[in-house]
């Protein structure tokens, strides 16, 4: 059975050799060369934004022309 592929993620097939963590150190995703390379590509940013927006976690506020979490409440409303 052939794996289903997403054309927007094809660029990942050309990633150079990169480290995901430093040997001997506790893993920290924020210091991953792999993730830095991936997130630097517009394709992945578009893909992630589309997935998040379509999932319903964020929505566009037409009056303020901003995006926000669907459960966001300003401090003065809490």
N, C-alpha and C. Protein backbone atom coordinates (compact mmCIF):
# COMPACT_ATOMS: atom_id res chain seq x y z
N UNK A 1 0.84 -1.17 0.00
CA UNK A 1 0.00 0.00 0.00
C UNK A 1 0.89 1.25 0.00
N UNK A 2 0.65 2.13 -0.95
CA UNK A 2 1.45 3.33 -1.07
C UNK A 2 1.00 4.38 -0.05
N UNK A 3 2.00 5.04 0.57
CA UNK A 3 1.69 6.10 1.54
C UNK A 3 1.10 7.30 0.83
N UNK A 4 0.08 7.89 1.44
CA UNK A 4 -0.50 9.12 0.92
C UNK A 4 0.46 10.27 1.21
N UNK A 5 0.78 11.07 0.20
CA UNK A 5 1.70 12.18 0.40
C UNK A 5 0.98 13.51 0.16
N UNK A 6 1.47 14.51 0.83
CA UNK A 6 0.94 15.86 0.66
C UNK A 6 1.95 16.64 -0.16
N UNK A 7 1.54 17.14 -1.28
CA UNK A 7 2.45 17.86 -2.19
C UNK A 7 3.10 19.06 -1.51
N UNK A 8 2.40 19.68 -0.55
CA UNK A 8 2.95 20.83 0.15
C UNK A 8 4.16 20.46 1.01
N UNK A 9 4.29 19.18 1.32
CA UNK A 9 5.38 18.73 2.20
C UNK A 9 6.51 18.03 1.43
N UNK A 10 6.44 18.05 0.11
CA UNK A 10 7.46 17.39 -0.71
C UNK A 10 8.87 17.94 -0.45
N UNK A 11 8.97 19.22 -0.09
CA UNK A 11 10.29 19.82 0.15
C UNK A 11 11.05 19.10 1.25
N UNK A 12 10.33 18.46 2.18
CA UNK A 12 10.98 17.75 3.28
C UNK A 12 11.88 16.62 2.80
N UNK A 13 11.58 16.08 1.63
CA UNK A 13 12.36 14.97 1.09
C UNK A 13 13.79 15.40 0.73
N UNK A 14 14.05 16.71 0.71
CA UNK A 14 15.36 17.23 0.31
C UNK A 14 16.11 17.86 1.49
N UNK A 15 15.69 17.56 2.70
CA UNK A 15 16.36 18.11 3.88
C UNK A 15 17.78 17.55 4.00
N UNK A 16 18.77 18.42 4.24
CA UNK A 16 20.14 17.95 4.44
C UNK A 16 20.27 17.29 5.81
N UNK A 17 21.39 16.60 6.06
CA UNK A 17 21.61 16.00 7.38
C UNK A 17 21.69 17.09 8.46
N UNK A 18 20.85 16.96 9.47
CA UNK A 18 20.80 17.94 10.56
C UNK A 18 20.64 17.22 11.89
N UNK A 19 21.06 17.85 12.97
CA UNK A 19 20.93 17.29 14.31
C UNK A 19 19.59 17.69 14.92
N UNK A 20 18.99 16.76 15.63
CA UNK A 20 17.72 17.04 16.29
C UNK A 20 17.95 17.37 17.76
N UNK A 21 19.10 16.98 18.28
CA UNK A 21 19.45 17.29 19.66
C UNK A 21 20.96 17.21 19.82
N UNK A 22 21.45 17.78 20.88
CA UNK A 22 22.89 17.77 21.17
C UNK A 22 23.16 16.57 22.08
N UNK A 23 24.08 15.67 21.67
CA UNK A 23 24.39 14.52 22.51
C UNK A 23 24.81 14.94 23.91
N UNK A 24 24.26 14.29 24.91
CA UNK A 24 24.60 14.59 26.29
C UNK A 24 23.77 15.69 26.92
N UNK A 25 22.92 16.33 26.14
CA UNK A 25 22.06 17.40 26.67
C UNK A 25 20.61 16.95 26.64
N UNK A 26 19.83 17.52 27.52
CA UNK A 26 18.40 17.23 27.54
C UNK A 26 17.78 17.75 26.24
N UNK A 27 16.88 16.98 25.64
CA UNK A 27 16.26 17.38 24.38
C UNK A 27 15.42 18.64 24.56
N UNK A 28 15.58 19.58 23.63
CA UNK A 28 14.81 20.81 23.63
C UNK A 28 14.39 21.09 22.19
N UNK A 29 13.11 20.94 21.88
CA UNK A 29 12.61 21.13 20.52
C UNK A 29 12.93 22.53 20.00
N UNK A 30 13.06 23.51 20.89
CA UNK A 30 13.35 24.89 20.49
C UNK A 30 14.80 25.06 20.04
N UNK A 31 15.64 24.04 20.26
CA UNK A 31 17.03 24.10 19.83
C UNK A 31 17.35 23.06 18.76
N UNK A 32 16.33 22.55 18.10
CA UNK A 32 16.50 21.51 17.09
C UNK A 32 16.85 22.12 15.73
N UNK A 33 17.98 21.71 15.17
CA UNK A 33 18.35 22.16 13.82
C UNK A 33 17.35 21.66 12.79
N UNK A 34 16.81 20.48 13.02
CA UNK A 34 15.81 19.90 12.11
C UNK A 34 14.58 20.81 12.07
N UNK A 35 14.05 21.17 13.24
CA UNK A 35 12.86 22.00 13.28
C UNK A 35 13.14 23.41 12.77
N UNK A 36 14.32 23.95 13.03
CA UNK A 36 14.68 25.27 12.50
C UNK A 36 14.64 25.26 10.98
N UNK A 37 15.19 24.20 10.37
CA UNK A 37 15.20 24.09 8.91
C UNK A 37 13.78 23.95 8.38
N UNK A 38 12.98 23.10 9.01
CA UNK A 38 11.61 22.87 8.54
C UNK A 38 10.78 24.15 8.62
N UNK A 39 10.80 24.81 9.76
CA UNK A 39 9.95 25.98 9.97
C UNK A 39 10.42 27.18 9.16
N UNK A 40 11.64 27.14 8.64
CA UNK A 40 12.14 28.25 7.83
C UNK A 40 11.52 28.27 6.43
N UNK A 41 10.81 27.22 6.06
CA UNK A 41 10.22 27.13 4.72
C UNK A 41 8.78 27.63 4.70
N UNK A 42 8.47 28.52 3.75
CA UNK A 42 7.11 29.05 3.65
C UNK A 42 6.05 27.95 3.47
N UNK A 43 6.42 26.87 2.81
CA UNK A 43 5.47 25.77 2.57
C UNK A 43 4.93 25.20 3.88
N UNK A 44 5.81 25.01 4.85
CA UNK A 44 5.38 24.42 6.12
C UNK A 44 4.59 25.43 6.93
N UNK A 45 4.96 26.69 6.86
CA UNK A 45 4.20 27.72 7.58
C UNK A 45 2.77 27.79 7.04
N UNK A 46 2.64 27.77 5.72
CA UNK A 46 1.31 27.79 5.09
C UNK A 46 0.53 26.54 5.46
N UNK A 47 1.18 25.39 5.38
CA UNK A 47 0.54 24.12 5.71
C UNK A 47 0.03 24.13 7.15
N UNK A 48 0.87 24.53 8.09
CA UNK A 48 0.48 24.56 9.51
C UNK A 48 -0.65 25.55 9.77
N UNK A 49 -0.54 26.74 9.19
CA UNK A 49 -1.58 27.73 9.39
C UNK A 49 -2.92 27.23 8.85
N UNK A 50 -2.91 26.66 7.65
CA UNK A 50 -4.14 26.12 7.06
C UNK A 50 -4.75 25.03 7.94
N UNK A 51 -3.91 24.13 8.44
CA UNK A 51 -4.39 23.04 9.30
C UNK A 51 -5.02 23.60 10.58
N UNK A 52 -4.34 24.56 11.20
CA UNK A 52 -4.82 25.14 12.46
C UNK A 52 -6.11 25.92 12.24
N UNK A 53 -6.15 26.75 11.19
CA UNK A 53 -7.35 27.53 10.90
C UNK A 53 -8.53 26.63 10.55
N UNK A 54 -8.28 25.59 9.77
CA UNK A 54 -9.36 24.68 9.37
C UNK A 54 -9.82 23.79 10.52
N UNK A 55 -8.96 23.57 11.48
CA UNK A 55 -9.31 22.75 12.65
C UNK A 55 -10.28 23.50 13.56
N UNK A 56 -10.24 24.83 13.49
CA UNK A 56 -11.16 25.63 14.28
C UNK A 56 -10.59 26.16 15.58
N UNK A 57 -9.25 26.12 15.73
CA UNK A 57 -8.62 26.61 16.95
C UNK A 57 -8.45 28.12 16.96
N UNK A 58 -8.37 28.71 15.78
CA UNK A 58 -8.25 30.15 15.66
C UNK A 58 -9.30 30.65 14.67
N UNK A 59 -9.64 31.93 14.80
CA UNK A 59 -10.60 32.51 13.86
C UNK A 59 -10.22 33.95 13.57
N UNK A 60 -10.72 34.43 12.45
CA UNK A 60 -10.42 35.80 12.03
C UNK A 60 -11.49 36.74 12.57
N UNK A 61 -11.04 37.81 13.20
CA UNK A 61 -11.94 38.82 13.73
C UNK A 61 -11.98 39.96 12.70
N UNK A 62 -13.08 40.07 11.97
CA UNK A 62 -13.18 41.05 10.90
C UNK A 62 -13.14 42.49 11.41
N UNK A 63 -13.69 42.74 12.58
CA UNK A 63 -13.71 44.12 13.08
C UNK A 63 -12.32 44.61 13.47
N UNK A 64 -11.50 43.73 14.08
CA UNK A 64 -10.14 44.14 14.47
C UNK A 64 -9.09 43.75 13.42
N UNK A 65 -9.53 42.96 12.43
CA UNK A 65 -8.63 42.48 11.37
C UNK A 65 -7.44 41.71 11.94
N UNK A 66 -7.73 40.86 12.94
CA UNK A 66 -6.71 40.03 13.56
C UNK A 66 -7.21 38.60 13.68
N UNK A 67 -6.26 37.69 13.87
CA UNK A 67 -6.58 36.30 14.16
C UNK A 67 -6.45 36.13 15.67
N UNK A 68 -7.27 35.26 16.25
CA UNK A 68 -7.18 34.99 17.68
C UNK A 68 -7.69 33.59 17.98
N UNK A 69 -7.27 33.08 19.14
CA UNK A 69 -7.76 31.79 19.59
C UNK A 69 -9.26 31.85 19.82
N UNK A 70 -9.97 30.79 19.49
CA UNK A 70 -11.43 30.82 19.62
C UNK A 70 -11.89 30.97 21.06
N UNK A 71 -11.06 30.61 22.02
CA UNK A 71 -11.42 30.75 23.43
C UNK A 71 -10.75 31.96 24.10
N UNK A 72 -10.14 32.83 23.32
CA UNK A 72 -9.43 33.98 23.87
C UNK A 72 -10.43 34.94 24.53
N UNK A 73 -10.06 35.36 25.72
CA UNK A 73 -10.84 36.36 26.45
C UNK A 73 -9.86 37.44 26.92
N UNK A 74 -10.11 38.70 26.58
CA UNK A 74 -9.22 39.76 27.09
C UNK A 74 -9.21 39.76 28.62
N UNK A 75 -8.12 40.20 29.20
CA UNK A 75 -7.97 40.19 30.67
C UNK A 75 -9.13 40.89 31.37
N UNK A 76 -9.64 41.97 30.80
CA UNK A 76 -10.71 42.71 31.46
C UNK A 76 -12.04 41.97 31.43
N UNK A 77 -12.14 40.90 30.62
CA UNK A 77 -13.38 40.11 30.58
C UNK A 77 -13.30 38.85 31.45
N UNK A 78 -12.13 38.55 31.98
CA UNK A 78 -11.93 37.32 32.75
C UNK A 78 -12.49 37.46 34.14
